[in-house]
Every structure is written in structure tokens, then in C-alpha cells.
Amino acid sequence: MSGLAAGSGIVAIVFLAMLALPATAAQPSFDCEGARAEVEKMICRDDALADLDLRLARDFAQAMARASADRVLELKSSQRTWRAQMLKCAQSGDPRGCVLDAYTKRIGQL
């Protein structure tokens, strides 16, 4: 019984230690220090968008790795086109919603 109590104490200590750790904000796949476009700055400030950016970067890298040589060129071109359109979300009535939608659709395409 004392082993169970000791184990519970250790779990409580670990849990409290985790609460004391500072929360780290999600970082996108790009360097926020160099972000110039308004949409890029918004992604850097928004954990959900930063997470989507990381997911897209991962999914894009995986798509590139399994693509044929012809498909690689097509993927790169479509990614550049997608990015240019996504950056235009800054001019929409709901920039965050526009970016969220753009990432969600692109991830689905990959």
C-alpha cells in the first residue's frame, strides 16, 4: 500500500512540475523574425495557424518525397500559386478565416 502512495506522490510532483513549465507558442515552418507580409505576421501570432503551417510543411515535404520527377515540378508550381493566393488573404474581410480555409484546403489537396 505504501508503494501505491509513493507512486501517487511522484505522479503529483511530475504533474505540478509540468504546470510550472512555461507554455511555448507554436512556431510556424518559417522564421517569424523575417516575416514581412501581414499574413505571415498573423500566422506567427496565432498558434492554430502556426500549427497548420507546420502540418502543411510536413505534408508538402512528404508529397515531394514520394512524387515522380514530373510531379515534383507540378507540386512546386502549385505550392507557389497557393502561397501567392494565401498571402492575398490580408485583403479579405476575414483574413484569419481566409488563411485558415486556405491551409485546410491545401492540406486536403496534398
Protein backbone atom coordinates (compact mmCIF):
# COMPACT_ATOMS: atom_id res chain seq x y z
CA MET A 1 0.00 0.00 0.00
CA SER A 2 2.83 2.41 0.80
CA GLY A 3 4.27 1.75 -2.69
CA LEU A 4 1.00 2.94 -4.19
CA ALA A 5 1.04 6.09 -2.08
CA ALA A 6 4.65 6.79 -3.06
CA GLY A 7 3.79 6.30 -6.73
CA SER A 8 0.87 8.71 -6.43
CA GLY A 9 3.17 11.27 -4.82
CA ILE A 10 5.63 11.01 -7.70
CA VAL A 11 2.83 11.46 -10.23
CA ALA A 12 1.63 14.55 -8.37
CA ILE A 13 5.15 16.02 -8.31
CA VAL A 14 5.63 15.40 -12.04
CA PHE A 15 2.22 16.95 -12.78
CA LEU A 16 2.99 20.05 -10.72
CA ALA A 17 6.40 20.39 -12.37
CA MET A 18 4.74 20.28 -15.80
CA LEU A 19 2.37 23.07 -14.76
CA ALA A 20 5.33 25.20 -13.73
CA LEU A 21 6.97 24.96 -17.16
CA PRO A 22 6.37 27.95 -19.39
CA ALA A 23 3.99 27.34 -22.24
CA THR A 24 5.70 27.64 -25.59
CA ALA A 25 3.90 29.17 -28.50
CA ALA A 26 3.66 27.20 -31.70
CA GLN A 27 6.22 28.22 -34.28
CA PRO A 28 5.44 28.03 -37.99
CA SER A 29 7.75 26.44 -40.54
CA PHE A 30 9.31 29.80 -41.39
CA ASP A 31 11.36 32.30 -39.39
CA CYS A 32 9.00 34.82 -37.82
CA GLU A 33 11.85 37.31 -37.43
CA GLY A 34 11.96 37.63 -41.20
CA ALA A 35 8.18 37.75 -41.70
CA ARG A 36 7.26 40.75 -43.83
CA ALA A 37 3.80 40.03 -45.20
CA GLU A 38 0.84 40.76 -42.92
CA VAL A 39 -0.43 37.21 -43.33
CA GLU A 40 2.95 35.80 -42.26
CA LYS A 41 2.93 38.02 -39.17
CA MET A 42 -0.60 36.86 -38.34
CA ILE A 43 0.49 33.21 -38.64
CA CYS A 44 3.36 33.91 -36.25
CA ARG A 45 0.95 35.36 -33.66
CA ASP A 46 -1.68 32.62 -33.96
CA ASP A 47 -0.90 29.16 -32.56
CA ALA A 48 -3.63 27.44 -34.59
CA LEU A 49 -2.38 28.95 -37.86
CA ALA A 50 1.24 28.19 -36.93
CA ASP A 51 0.26 24.57 -36.29
CA LEU A 52 -1.45 24.40 -39.69
CA ASP A 53 1.64 25.88 -41.31
CA LEU A 54 3.80 23.18 -39.75
CA ARG A 55 1.35 20.49 -40.85
CA LEU A 56 1.33 21.83 -44.40
CA ALA A 57 5.13 21.96 -44.48
CA ARG A 58 5.29 18.34 -43.30
CA ASP A 59 2.64 17.16 -45.74
CA PHE A 60 4.28 19.03 -48.62
CA ALA A 61 7.68 17.50 -47.82
CA GLN A 62 6.10 14.03 -47.74
CA ALA A 63 4.33 14.65 -51.07
CA MET A 64 7.61 15.81 -52.61
CA ALA A 65 9.45 12.75 -51.30
CA ARG A 66 7.04 10.31 -52.92
CA ALA A 67 6.49 12.27 -56.16
CA SER A 68 7.91 11.42 -59.57
CA ALA A 69 10.26 13.95 -61.19
CA ASP A 70 7.43 15.37 -63.31
CA ARG A 71 5.14 15.61 -60.31
CA VAL A 72 7.82 17.44 -58.27
CA LEU A 73 7.77 20.35 -60.70
CA GLU A 74 3.97 20.40 -60.63
CA LEU A 75 3.91 20.34 -56.82
CA LYS A 76 6.40 23.21 -56.57
CA SER A 77 4.40 25.28 -59.04
CA SER A 78 1.09 24.62 -57.32
CA GLN A 79 2.65 25.46 -53.94
CA ARG A 80 3.92 28.82 -55.26
CA THR A 81 0.48 29.57 -56.71
CA TRP A 82 -1.22 28.55 -53.45
CA ARG A 83 1.12 30.75 -51.39
CA ALA A 84 0.55 33.80 -53.59
CA GLN A 85 -3.22 33.37 -53.22
CA MET A 86 -2.96 32.76 -49.47
CA LEU A 87 -0.98 35.98 -48.98
CA LYS A 88 -3.86 37.86 -50.60
CA CYS A 89 -5.99 36.88 -47.60
CA ALA A 90 -4.71 40.08 -45.96
CA GLN A 91 -7.15 41.99 -48.17
CA SER A 92 -10.17 39.82 -47.36
CA GLY A 93 -12.90 40.80 -44.92
CA ASP A 94 -11.82 37.97 -42.61
CA PRO A 95 -8.06 37.47 -43.05
CA ARG A 96 -7.76 34.79 -40.36
CA GLY A 97 -10.71 32.81 -41.70
CA CYS A 98 -9.34 33.12 -45.22
CA VAL A 99 -5.91 31.82 -44.16
CA LEU A 100 -7.47 29.02 -42.12
CA ASP A 101 -9.56 27.98 -45.12
CA ALA A 102 -6.57 28.20 -47.49
CA TYR A 103 -4.42 25.97 -45.27
CA THR A 104 -7.20 23.46 -44.70
CA LYS A 105 -7.91 23.15 -48.43
CA ARG A 106 -4.23 22.88 -49.38
CA ILE A 107 -3.57 20.20 -46.78
CA GLY A 108 -6.54 18.29 -48.20
CA GLN A 109 -5.09 18.59 -51.71
CA LEU A 110 -1.74 17.15 -50.70
